[in-house]
Amino acid sequence: MFVDFDWMSTLGSSPILLVLGGCSMVSLAVALERLLYYRRAIADVDRVLDRAQEALRKSDLSAAIEICKDCPHPLGAVAPGVLSDPTATRHAIEEKIQILLSQQKLLLERNVGLLGTMAAIAPLIGLLGTVVGIMRAFHDMAQTGSAAPTIVAAGVAEALLTTAAGLVVAVPSVMLFNYFNRRMNVMLTIAENHTRSLRNTMESIFQTPSSRPAEAVRPEPAVATTGAGDRIVERVANEARDVIGNLAG
């Protein structure tokens, strides 16, 4: 059926199919580019973590940073930025981790949104082609005054073909979009967890300020003061004592 079908004449007479063909090329290009990018980011991050922790236990911070930098995984961009400032407070560390993870997220999800867009609009474009094909079939019927199958076949074929083409473009795009989003989240989570593990190891060995507990503030001893009421009572008592002494004399 598909071998004998006149694809070129159908493409030439249906601009909707040309648009869907362009959407399929965009989806394919984005998918290949992202697959190559994610493939380059593959690394044995557990091995990198072990080597970096071993270097930290030897008090070799610069070696641990270099080991992380050589990793193509997002860990290689997040961990060195956190380890390079041993004197940072915990609040500053958290801020830096979130900033570095956000930067890596922008790189990982670049162009992935196009796959989501193609997955959303391709069925709608196919539905538009269905409407156009049905309109064409009725137009041919009106022009010839006949409802013979040979008259309406071209319009109906275009309607069904554009619907099928829209689904063919949308289904793989949805699958690839979900795949890349899932892989991005896993990579960022691993990078964050391993970075925190390295930071904890560094704090336990180098005793950085963020690893030391805050010193408790000791309250100053209160200064005993004599209230105004006490002074008045004391003065009245002295005067009464003087009066009693004069009467006795």
Protein backbone atom coordinates (compact mmCIF):
# COMPACT_ATOMS: atom_id res chain seq x y z
CA MET A 1 0.00 0.00 0.00
CA PHE A 2 2.71 2.45 0.99
CA VAL A 3 4.94 1.44 -1.91
CA ASP A 4 2.34 2.23 -4.56
CA PHE A 5 1.23 5.44 -2.87
CA ASP A 6 2.14 8.62 -4.74
CA TRP A 7 3.95 10.44 -1.94
CA MET A 8 5.42 13.24 -4.05
CA SER A 9 2.12 14.35 -5.52
CA THR A 10 0.49 14.21 -2.10
CA LEU A 11 3.26 16.29 -0.54
CA GLY A 12 3.03 18.77 -3.38
CA SER A 13 -0.72 19.18 -3.01
CA SER A 14 -0.81 19.26 0.82
CA PRO A 15 1.14 22.02 2.57
CA ILE A 16 0.11 20.51 5.92
CA LEU A 17 2.26 17.45 5.20
CA LEU A 18 5.19 19.74 4.41
CA VAL A 19 4.78 21.46 7.77
CA LEU A 20 4.66 18.08 9.55
CA GLY A 21 7.75 17.02 7.65
CA GLY A 22 9.53 20.12 8.96
CA CYS A 23 8.41 19.33 12.51
CA SER A 24 9.77 15.81 12.18
CA MET A 25 13.15 17.14 11.00
CA VAL A 26 13.33 19.55 13.95
CA SER A 27 12.51 16.76 16.40
CA LEU A 28 15.10 14.46 14.84
CA ALA A 29 17.81 17.13 14.90
CA VAL A 30 17.17 18.03 18.54
CA ALA A 31 17.07 14.38 19.57
CA LEU A 32 20.41 13.59 17.91
CA GLU A 33 22.09 16.68 19.34
CA ARG A 34 20.88 15.94 22.86
CA LEU A 35 21.82 12.26 22.61
CA LEU A 36 25.37 13.21 21.66
CA TYR A 37 25.56 15.80 24.45
CA TYR A 38 24.33 13.38 27.11
CA ARG A 39 26.64 10.68 25.77
CA ARG A 40 29.65 12.97 26.27
CA ALA A 41 28.53 13.59 29.86
CA ILE A 42 28.66 9.89 30.79
CA ALA A 43 31.19 9.17 33.56
CA ASP A 44 31.75 6.80 36.46
CA VAL A 45 30.77 9.33 39.09
CA ASP A 46 31.01 6.83 41.94
CA ARG A 47 34.65 6.22 41.02
CA VAL A 48 35.26 9.97 40.85
CA LEU A 49 33.70 10.36 44.30
CA ASP A 50 35.94 7.65 45.78
CA ARG A 51 39.10 9.14 44.28
CA ALA A 52 38.23 12.66 45.41
CA GLN A 53 37.44 11.51 48.95
CA GLU A 54 40.71 9.59 49.07
CA ALA A 55 42.58 12.75 48.08
CA LEU A 56 40.75 14.74 50.76
CA ARG A 57 41.66 12.17 53.41
CA LYS A 58 45.28 12.77 52.43
CA SER A 59 44.68 16.52 52.98
CA ASP A 60 45.25 17.17 49.27
CA LEU A 61 42.42 19.56 48.44
CA SER A 62 43.86 20.69 45.10
CA ALA A 63 44.11 17.09 43.87
CA ALA A 64 40.48 16.45 44.81
CA ILE A 65 39.39 19.54 42.88
CA GLU A 66 41.38 18.46 39.81
CA ILE A 67 39.87 14.98 39.93
CA CYS A 68 36.39 16.49 39.90
CA LYS A 69 37.23 18.93 37.09
CA ASP A 70 38.28 16.06 34.83
CA CYS A 71 34.79 14.54 35.09
CA PRO A 72 32.49 15.42 32.13
CA HIS A 73 29.44 14.79 34.31
CA PRO A 74 27.72 17.85 35.88
CA LEU A 75 29.53 16.81 39.07
CA GLY A 76 32.70 18.09 37.42
CA ALA A 77 31.28 21.62 37.34
CA VAL A 78 29.45 21.67 40.69
CA ALA A 79 31.91 20.01 43.08
CA PRO A 80 35.02 22.15 42.31
CA GLY A 81 33.04 25.33 42.86
CA VAL A 82 31.99 24.13 46.32
CA LEU A 83 35.35 22.68 47.36
CA SER A 84 37.35 25.69 46.22
CA ASP A 85 36.21 27.82 49.18
CA PRO A 86 36.88 25.91 52.44
CA THR A 87 36.10 28.96 54.59
CA ALA A 88 32.55 29.43 53.29
CA THR A 89 29.64 29.24 55.70
CA ARG A 90 26.86 26.70 55.31
CA HIS A 91 24.49 29.34 53.96
CA ALA A 92 27.02 30.39 51.32
CA ILE A 93 27.62 26.75 50.40
CA GLU A 94 23.91 26.13 49.87
CA GLU A 95 23.61 29.22 47.70
CA LYS A 96 26.59 28.19 45.58
CA ILE A 97 25.30 24.64 45.12
CA GLN A 98 21.92 25.89 43.91
CA ILE A 99 23.53 28.38 41.52
CA LEU A 100 25.87 25.79 40.01
CA LEU A 101 23.07 23.23 39.67
CA SER A 102 20.90 25.82 37.94
CA GLN A 103 23.68 26.53 35.46
CA GLN A 104 24.05 22.84 34.67
CA LYS A 105 20.28 22.46 34.33
CA LEU A 106 20.23 25.18 31.67
CA LEU A 107 22.87 23.29 29.70
CA LEU A 108 21.15 19.92 30.06
CA GLU A 109 17.66 21.08 29.08
CA ARG A 110 18.76 23.26 26.15
CA ASN A 111 16.52 22.64 23.11
CA VAL A 112 14.59 19.93 24.98
CA GLY A 113 11.63 22.28 25.10
CA LEU A 114 11.43 22.04 21.30
CA LEU A 115 10.61 18.34 21.63
CA GLY A 116 7.77 19.18 23.97
CA THR A 117 6.54 21.82 21.54
CA MET A 118 6.64 19.40 18.59
CA ALA A 119 4.82 16.78 20.65
CA ALA A 120 2.08 19.28 21.47
CA ILE A 121 1.52 20.91 18.08
CA ALA A 122 2.03 17.95 15.71
CA PRO A 123 -1.38 16.34 16.48
CA LEU A 124 -3.04 19.73 16.13
CA ILE A 125 -1.40 20.29 12.76
CA GLY A 126 -2.51 16.79 11.75
CA LEU A 127 -6.05 17.65 12.82
CA LEU A 128 -5.86 20.79 10.71
CA GLY A 129 -4.83 18.63 7.77
CA THR A 130 -7.82 16.39 8.43
CA VAL A 131 -10.18 19.36 8.24
CA VAL A 132 -8.50 20.64 5.08
CA GLY A 133 -8.71 17.20 3.46
CA ILE A 134 -12.42 16.84 4.22
CA MET A 135 -13.02 20.35 2.90
CA ARG A 136 -11.18 19.39 -0.26
CA ALA A 137 -13.29 16.26 -0.67
CA PHE A 138 -16.53 18.23 -0.39
CA HIS A 139 -15.17 20.88 -2.77
CA ASP A 140 -14.41 18.23 -5.38
CA MET A 141 -17.88 16.79 -4.93
CA ALA A 142 -19.40 20.23 -5.46
CA GLN A 143 -17.28 20.90 -8.54
CA THR A 144 -18.14 17.61 -10.28
CA GLY A 145 -21.63 17.10 -8.91
CA SER A 146 -20.80 13.51 -8.13
CA ALA A 147 -19.95 11.57 -4.95
CA ALA A 148 -18.05 8.82 -6.69
CA PRO A 149 -15.15 7.35 -4.73
CA THR A 150 -12.67 8.53 -7.31
CA ILE A 151 -13.81 12.10 -6.73
CA VAL A 152 -13.54 12.22 -2.93
CA ALA A 153 -10.63 9.79 -2.56
CA ALA A 154 -7.93 12.46 -2.83
CA GLY A 155 -9.41 14.64 -0.11
CA VAL A 156 -10.12 11.76 2.24
CA ALA A 157 -6.63 10.34 1.70
CA GLU A 158 -5.09 13.71 2.57
CA ALA A 159 -7.23 13.96 5.70
CA LEU A 160 -6.24 10.53 6.98
CA LEU A 161 -2.61 10.89 5.98
CA THR A 162 -2.09 14.18 7.81
CA THR A 163 -3.70 12.73 10.95
CA ALA A 164 -1.38 9.74 10.85
CA ALA A 165 1.65 11.95 10.14
CA GLY A 166 0.85 14.18 13.12
CA LEU A 167 0.73 11.18 15.44
CA VAL A 168 3.94 9.76 13.98
CA VAL A 169 5.73 13.00 14.81
CA ALA A 170 4.11 13.50 18.23
CA VAL A 171 4.56 10.06 19.81
CA PRO A 172 8.38 9.83 19.48
CA SER A 173 8.70 13.48 20.52
CA VAL A 174 6.80 12.82 23.75
CA MET A 175 8.92 9.77 24.51
CA LEU A 176 12.18 11.63 23.89
CA PHE A 177 11.03 14.65 25.88
CA ASN A 178 10.25 12.50 28.93
CA TYR A 179 13.49 10.55 28.51
CA PHE A 180 15.70 13.64 28.46
CA ASN A 181 13.88 15.23 31.41
CA ARG A 182 14.25 12.07 33.47
CA ARG A 183 17.93 11.73 32.63
CA MET A 184 18.56 15.39 33.43
CA ASN A 185 16.94 15.08 36.86
CA VAL A 186 18.95 11.94 37.66
CA MET A 187 22.23 13.58 36.66
CA LEU A 188 21.56 16.72 38.69
CA THR A 189 20.52 14.70 41.74
CA ILE A 190 23.69 12.60 41.58
CA ALA A 191 25.81 15.74 41.17
CA GLU A 192 24.19 17.37 44.21
CA ASN A 193 24.46 14.29 46.44
CA HIS A 194 28.09 13.60 45.55
CA THR A 195 29.00 17.27 46.02
CA ARG A 196 27.50 17.29 49.51
CA SER A 197 29.36 14.07 50.34
CA LEU A 198 32.65 15.63 49.26
CA ARG A 199 31.93 18.79 51.25
CA ASN A 200 31.14 16.79 54.38
CA THR A 201 34.37 14.84 53.97
CA MET A 202 36.34 18.06 53.59
CA GLU A 203 34.71 19.61 56.66
CA SER A 204 35.45 16.55 58.80
CA ILE A 205 39.12 16.62 57.83
CA PHE A 206 39.96 20.32 57.54
CA GLN A 207 37.57 21.54 60.30
CA THR A 208 36.28 24.44 58.25
CA PRO A 209 34.20 27.20 59.90
CA SER A 210 30.96 25.68 58.57
CA SER A 211 31.75 22.40 60.34
CA ARG A 212 32.29 23.94 63.78
CA PRO A 213 29.26 24.50 65.98
CA ALA A 214 28.45 28.04 66.91
CA GLU A 215 29.74 29.08 70.34
CA ALA A 216 27.05 29.72 72.88
CA VAL A 217 26.82 33.32 74.01
CA ARG A 218 27.26 33.50 77.73
CA PRO A 219 25.00 36.03 79.44
CA GLU A 220 26.76 38.74 81.43
CA PRO A 221 26.20 38.62 85.17
CA ALA A 222 23.54 40.98 86.31
CA VAL A 223 24.74 43.92 88.40
CA ALA A 224 22.97 44.16 91.70
CA THR A 225 21.35 47.54 92.06
CA THR A 226 19.43 49.06 94.92
CA GLY A 227 15.99 50.18 93.93
CA ALA A 228 14.52 53.56 94.81
CA GLY A 229 12.06 51.92 97.22
CA ASP A 230 14.89 50.27 99.17
CA ARG A 231 16.71 53.58 99.55
CA ILE A 232 13.56 55.26 100.93
CA VAL A 233 13.00 52.47 103.48
CA GLU A 234 16.63 52.67 104.56
CA ARG A 235 16.44 56.46 105.04
CA VAL A 236 13.22 56.23 107.08
CA ALA A 237 14.79 53.56 109.29
CA ASN A 238 17.83 55.76 109.94
CA GLU A 239 15.66 58.75 110.85
CA ALA A 240 13.56 56.64 113.20
CA ARG A 241 16.70 55.35 114.86
CA ASP A 242 17.95 58.91 115.38
CA VAL A 243 14.63 60.02 116.93
CA ILE A 244 14.60 57.06 119.32
CA GLY A 245 18.22 57.86 120.30
CA ASN A 246 17.35 61.52 121.07
CA LEU A 247 14.35 60.54 123.19
CA ALA A 248 16.40 58.06 125.12
CA GLY A 249 19.07 60.72 125.79
